[in-house]
Amino acid sequence: MVLGKVISGNINEGLKIILDSNTSIEDFPIGALIIIDSKNYSYLGIISNTGIDSNQLMSQLIMSSYISEFIKDILTKRSSGSLWNQWIQVALLAQTDGEECNLSDTIPSYGSEVREINEREIELFFFFV
């Protein structure tokens, strides 16, 4: 299951990943391991920060006492993707091409998919590193 996609970052400061709208930010604490699947490599990363960015104007409109609860409900349901973005910041630890595993010296492509790590991948990365 895809949790989100890489939207920005660099190898020194980490990557910013926007979470899918069906993914709860509460499921990913600081220190959790994730996998990023890119064109040439799979990357092992650790969550170093989490956050929510909001559209200030829309948020203020929805919080306004002048707007009916009915309208607020419609605005919230129909515009959730434009009201806020949940994101995680990820520090890269290692990368593998399926045969070799090394410390990360590249970053995944824009839009690379992020997913939860499984036991086999934990063994793969920690056996090689």
C-alpha atoms as a PDB file:
ATOM      1  CA  MET A   1       0.000   0.000   0.000  1.00  0.00           C
ATOM      2  CA  VAL A   2       1.353   3.408  -1.005  1.00  0.00           C
ATOM      3  CA  LEU A   3       1.603   5.787   1.947  1.00  0.00           C
ATOM      4  CA  GLY A   4       2.704   8.844   0.012  1.00  0.00           C
ATOM      5  CA  LYS A   5       5.105  10.277  -2.545  1.00  0.00           C
ATOM      6  CA  VAL A   6       8.427  12.104  -2.467  1.00  0.00           C
ATOM      7  CA  ILE A   7       7.975  15.790  -3.306  1.00  0.00           C
ATOM      8  CA  SER A   8      11.259  17.442  -2.284  1.00  0.00           C
ATOM      9  CA  GLY A   9      14.469  17.181  -0.305  1.00  0.00           C
ATOM     10  CA  ASN A  10      18.143  16.399  -0.480  1.00  0.00           C
ATOM     11  CA  ILE A  11      20.534  13.819   0.875  1.00  0.00           C
ATOM     12  CA  ASN A  12      21.817  16.031   3.721  1.00  0.00           C
ATOM     13  CA  GLU A  13      18.519  17.389   5.067  1.00  0.00           C
ATOM     14  CA  GLY A  14      16.242  14.491   4.150  1.00  0.00           C
ATOM     15  CA  LEU A  15      13.180  14.062   1.987  1.00  0.00           C
ATOM     16  CA  LYS A  16       9.700  15.505   2.337  1.00  0.00           C
ATOM     17  CA  ILE A  17       6.924  13.062   1.586  1.00  0.00           C
ATOM     18  CA  ILE A  18       3.291  14.101   1.196  1.00  0.00           C
ATOM     19  CA  LEU A  19       1.073  11.394   2.658  1.00  0.00           C
ATOM     20  CA  ASP A  20      -1.833   9.952   0.707  1.00  0.00           C
ATOM     21  CA  SER A  21      -5.196  11.347   1.856  1.00  0.00           C
ATOM     22  CA  ASN A  22      -6.176   7.879   3.147  1.00  0.00           C
ATOM     23  CA  THR A  23      -3.037   7.612   5.311  1.00  0.00           C
ATOM     24  CA  SER A  24      -3.136   8.787   8.926  1.00  0.00           C
ATOM     25  CA  ILE A  25      -0.120  10.749  10.098  1.00  0.00           C
ATOM     26  CA  GLU A  26      -0.714   9.253  13.549  1.00  0.00           C
ATOM     27  CA  ASP A  27       0.419   5.837  12.272  1.00  0.00           C
ATOM     28  CA  PHE A  28       3.989   7.015  11.615  1.00  0.00           C
ATOM     29  CA  PRO A  29       5.953   8.078  14.698  1.00  0.00           C
ATOM     30  CA  ILE A  30       9.426   9.579  14.648  1.00  0.00           C
ATOM     31  CA  GLY A  31      11.925   6.728  14.271  1.00  0.00           C
ATOM     32  CA  ALA A  32       9.669   4.466  12.168  1.00  0.00           C
ATOM     33  CA  LEU A  33      11.354   2.781   9.198  1.00  0.00           C
ATOM     34  CA  ILE A  34       9.913   3.110   5.685  1.00  0.00           C
ATOM     35  CA  ILE A  35      10.798   2.028   2.140  1.00  0.00           C
ATOM     36  CA  ILE A  36      10.931   4.339  -0.877  1.00  0.00           C
ATOM     37  CA  ASP A  37      10.678   2.587  -4.245  1.00  0.00           C
ATOM     38  CA  SER A  38      12.342   4.511  -7.053  1.00  0.00           C
ATOM     39  CA  LYS A  39      13.412   3.713 -10.612  1.00  0.00           C
ATOM     40  CA  ASN A  40      16.849   2.254  -9.877  1.00  0.00           C
ATOM     41  CA  TYR A  41      16.870   1.634  -6.121  1.00  0.00           C
ATOM     42  CA  SER A  42      14.801   0.896  -3.072  1.00  0.00           C
ATOM     43  CA  TYR A  43      15.741   3.150  -0.174  1.00  0.00           C
ATOM     44  CA  LEU A  44      15.573   2.515   3.549  1.00  0.00           C
ATOM     45  CA  GLY A  45      14.580   5.638   5.461  1.00  0.00           C
ATOM     46  CA  ILE A  46      13.760   6.657   9.006  1.00  0.00           C
ATOM     47  CA  ILE A  47      11.099   9.227   9.844  1.00  0.00           C
ATOM     48  CA  SER A  48      12.761  12.265  11.413  1.00  0.00           C
ATOM     49  CA  ASN A  49       9.847  14.733  11.497  1.00  0.00           C
ATOM     50  CA  THR A  50       6.112  14.930  10.785  1.00  0.00           C
ATOM     51  CA  GLY A  51       3.711  17.780  10.221  1.00  0.00           C
ATOM     52  CA  ILE A  52       0.615  19.280   8.687  1.00  0.00           C
ATOM     53  CA  ASP A  53       0.517  22.298   6.383  1.00  0.00           C
ATOM     54  CA  SER A  54      -2.805  24.060   5.932  1.00  0.00           C
ATOM     55  CA  ASN A  55      -4.336  26.509   3.508  1.00  0.00           C
ATOM     56  CA  GLN A  56      -4.799  29.459   5.876  1.00  0.00           C
ATOM     57  CA  LEU A  57      -7.596  31.171   3.954  1.00  0.00           C
ATOM     58  CA  MET A  58      -9.759  28.046   3.623  1.00  0.00           C
ATOM     59  CA  SER A  59      -9.081  27.057   7.231  1.00  0.00           C
ATOM     60  CA  GLN A  60     -10.178  30.481   8.475  1.00  0.00           C
ATOM     61  CA  LEU A  61     -13.298  30.301   6.322  1.00  0.00           C
ATOM     62  CA  ILE A  62     -14.262  26.911   7.759  1.00  0.00           C
ATOM     63  CA  MET A  63     -13.628  28.111  11.326  1.00  0.00           C
ATOM     64  CA  SER A  64     -15.701  31.256  10.799  1.00  0.00           C
ATOM     65  CA  SER A  65     -18.804  31.651  12.948  1.00  0.00           C
ATOM     66  CA  TYR A  66     -20.557  33.279   9.954  1.00  0.00           C
ATOM     67  CA  ILE A  67     -20.634  30.017   7.953  1.00  0.00           C
ATOM     68  CA  SER A  68     -23.336  27.426   8.667  1.00  0.00           C
ATOM     69  CA  GLU A  69     -22.333  23.972   9.909  1.00  0.00           C
ATOM     70  CA  PHE A  70     -23.854  22.491   6.744  1.00  0.00           C
ATOM     71  CA  ILE A  71     -21.605  24.592   4.482  1.00  0.00           C
ATOM     72  CA  LYS A  72     -18.568  23.901   6.700  1.00  0.00           C
ATOM     73  CA  ASP A  73     -19.234  20.176   6.401  1.00  0.00           C
ATOM     74  CA  ILE A  74     -19.476  20.368   2.599  1.00  0.00           C
ATOM     75  CA  LEU A  75     -16.310  22.486   2.326  1.00  0.00           C
ATOM     76  CA  THR A  76     -14.380  20.125   4.587  1.00  0.00           C
ATOM     77  CA  LYS A  77     -15.435  16.965   2.744  1.00  0.00           C
ATOM     78  CA  ARG A  78     -14.979  18.342  -0.772  1.00  0.00           C
ATOM     79  CA  SER A  79     -11.744  20.238  -0.313  1.00  0.00           C
ATOM     80  CA  SER A  80      -9.717  18.209   2.170  1.00  0.00           C
ATOM     81  CA  GLY A  81      -6.840  17.859  -0.295  1.00  0.00           C
ATOM     82  CA  SER A  82      -6.638  21.628  -0.677  1.00  0.00           C
ATOM     83  CA  LEU A  83      -7.180  22.408   3.011  1.00  0.00           C
ATOM     84  CA  TRP A  84      -4.131  20.594   4.358  1.00  0.00           C
ATOM     85  CA  ASN A  85      -1.277  18.255   3.567  1.00  0.00           C
ATOM     86  CA  GLN A  86       0.124  15.727   6.001  1.00  0.00           C
ATOM     87  CA  TRP A  87       3.817  15.110   5.518  1.00  0.00           C
ATOM     88  CA  ILE A  88       6.755  13.200   6.900  1.00  0.00           C
ATOM     89  CA  GLN A  89      10.433  14.092   6.731  1.00  0.00           C
ATOM     90  CA  VAL A  90      12.693  11.101   6.088  1.00  0.00           C
ATOM     91  CA  ALA A  91      16.445  10.645   6.549  1.00  0.00           C
ATOM     92  CA  LEU A  92      17.900   8.133   4.101  1.00  0.00           C
ATOM     93  CA  LEU A  93      19.897   5.290   5.610  1.00  0.00           C
ATOM     94  CA  ALA A  94      20.653   2.846   2.798  1.00  0.00           C
ATOM     95  CA  GLN A  95      19.814   1.893  -0.761  1.00  0.00           C
ATOM     96  CA  THR A  96      19.696  -1.371  -2.683  1.00  0.00           C
ATOM     97  CA  ASP A  97      19.442  -2.334  -6.325  1.00  0.00           C
ATOM     98  CA  GLY A  98      18.296  -5.821  -5.315  1.00  0.00           C
ATOM     99  CA  GLU A  99      21.796  -7.273  -5.337  1.00  0.00           C
ATOM    100  CA  GLU A 100      23.940  -4.866  -3.335  1.00  0.00           C
ATOM    101  CA  CYS A 101      23.080  -2.727  -0.346  1.00  0.00           C
ATOM    102  CA  ASN A 102      25.026   0.447   0.467  1.00  0.00           C
ATOM    103  CA  LEU A 103      24.714   3.599   2.508  1.00  0.00           C
ATOM    104  CA  SER A 104      22.596   6.118   0.572  1.00  0.00           C
ATOM    105  CA  ASP A 105      24.599   8.278  -1.803  1.00  0.00           C
ATOM    106  CA  THR A 106      21.713   9.221  -4.121  1.00  0.00           C
ATOM    107  CA  ILE A 107      18.098  10.246  -3.579  1.00  0.00           C
ATOM    108  CA  PRO A 108      14.913   8.801  -5.063  1.00  0.00           C
ATOM    109  CA  SER A 109      13.162  10.504  -7.974  1.00  0.00           C
ATOM    110  CA  TYR A 110      10.367  13.037  -7.559  1.00  0.00           C
ATOM    111  CA  GLY A 111       7.083  11.185  -7.066  1.00  0.00           C
ATOM    112  CA  SER A 112       8.702   7.951  -5.846  1.00  0.00           C
ATOM    113  CA  GLU A 113       6.291   5.884  -3.798  1.00  0.00           C
ATOM    114  CA  VAL A 114       6.715   5.414  -0.053  1.00  0.00           C
ATOM    115  CA  ARG A 115       5.442   2.324   1.753  1.00  0.00           C
ATOM    116  CA  GLU A 116       5.747   0.439   5.010  1.00  0.00           C
ATOM    117  CA  ILE A 117       8.730  -1.863   5.464  1.00  0.00           C
ATOM    118  CA  ASN A 118       8.293  -5.618   5.865  1.00  0.00           C
ATOM    119  CA  GLU A 119      10.379  -8.134   7.836  1.00  0.00           C
ATOM    120  CA  ARG A 120      12.233  -9.474   4.783  1.00  0.00           C
ATOM    121  CA  GLU A 121      13.361  -5.965   3.854  1.00  0.00           C
ATOM    122  CA  ILE A 122      14.554  -5.263   7.387  1.00  0.00           C
ATOM    123  CA  GLU A 123      16.694  -8.414   7.216  1.00  0.00           C
ATOM    124  CA  LEU A 124      17.964  -7.499   3.731  1.00  0.00           C
ATOM    125  CA  PHE A 125      19.057  -4.002   4.686  1.00  0.00           C
ATOM    126  CA  PHE A 126      20.502  -4.852   8.074  1.00  0.00           C
ATOM    127  CA  PHE A 127      22.284  -7.967   6.835  1.00  0.00           C
ATOM    128  CA  PHE A 128      24.144  -5.980   4.152  1.00  0.00           C
ATOM    129  CA  VAL A 129      24.774  -2.719   5.964  1.00  0.00           C
END
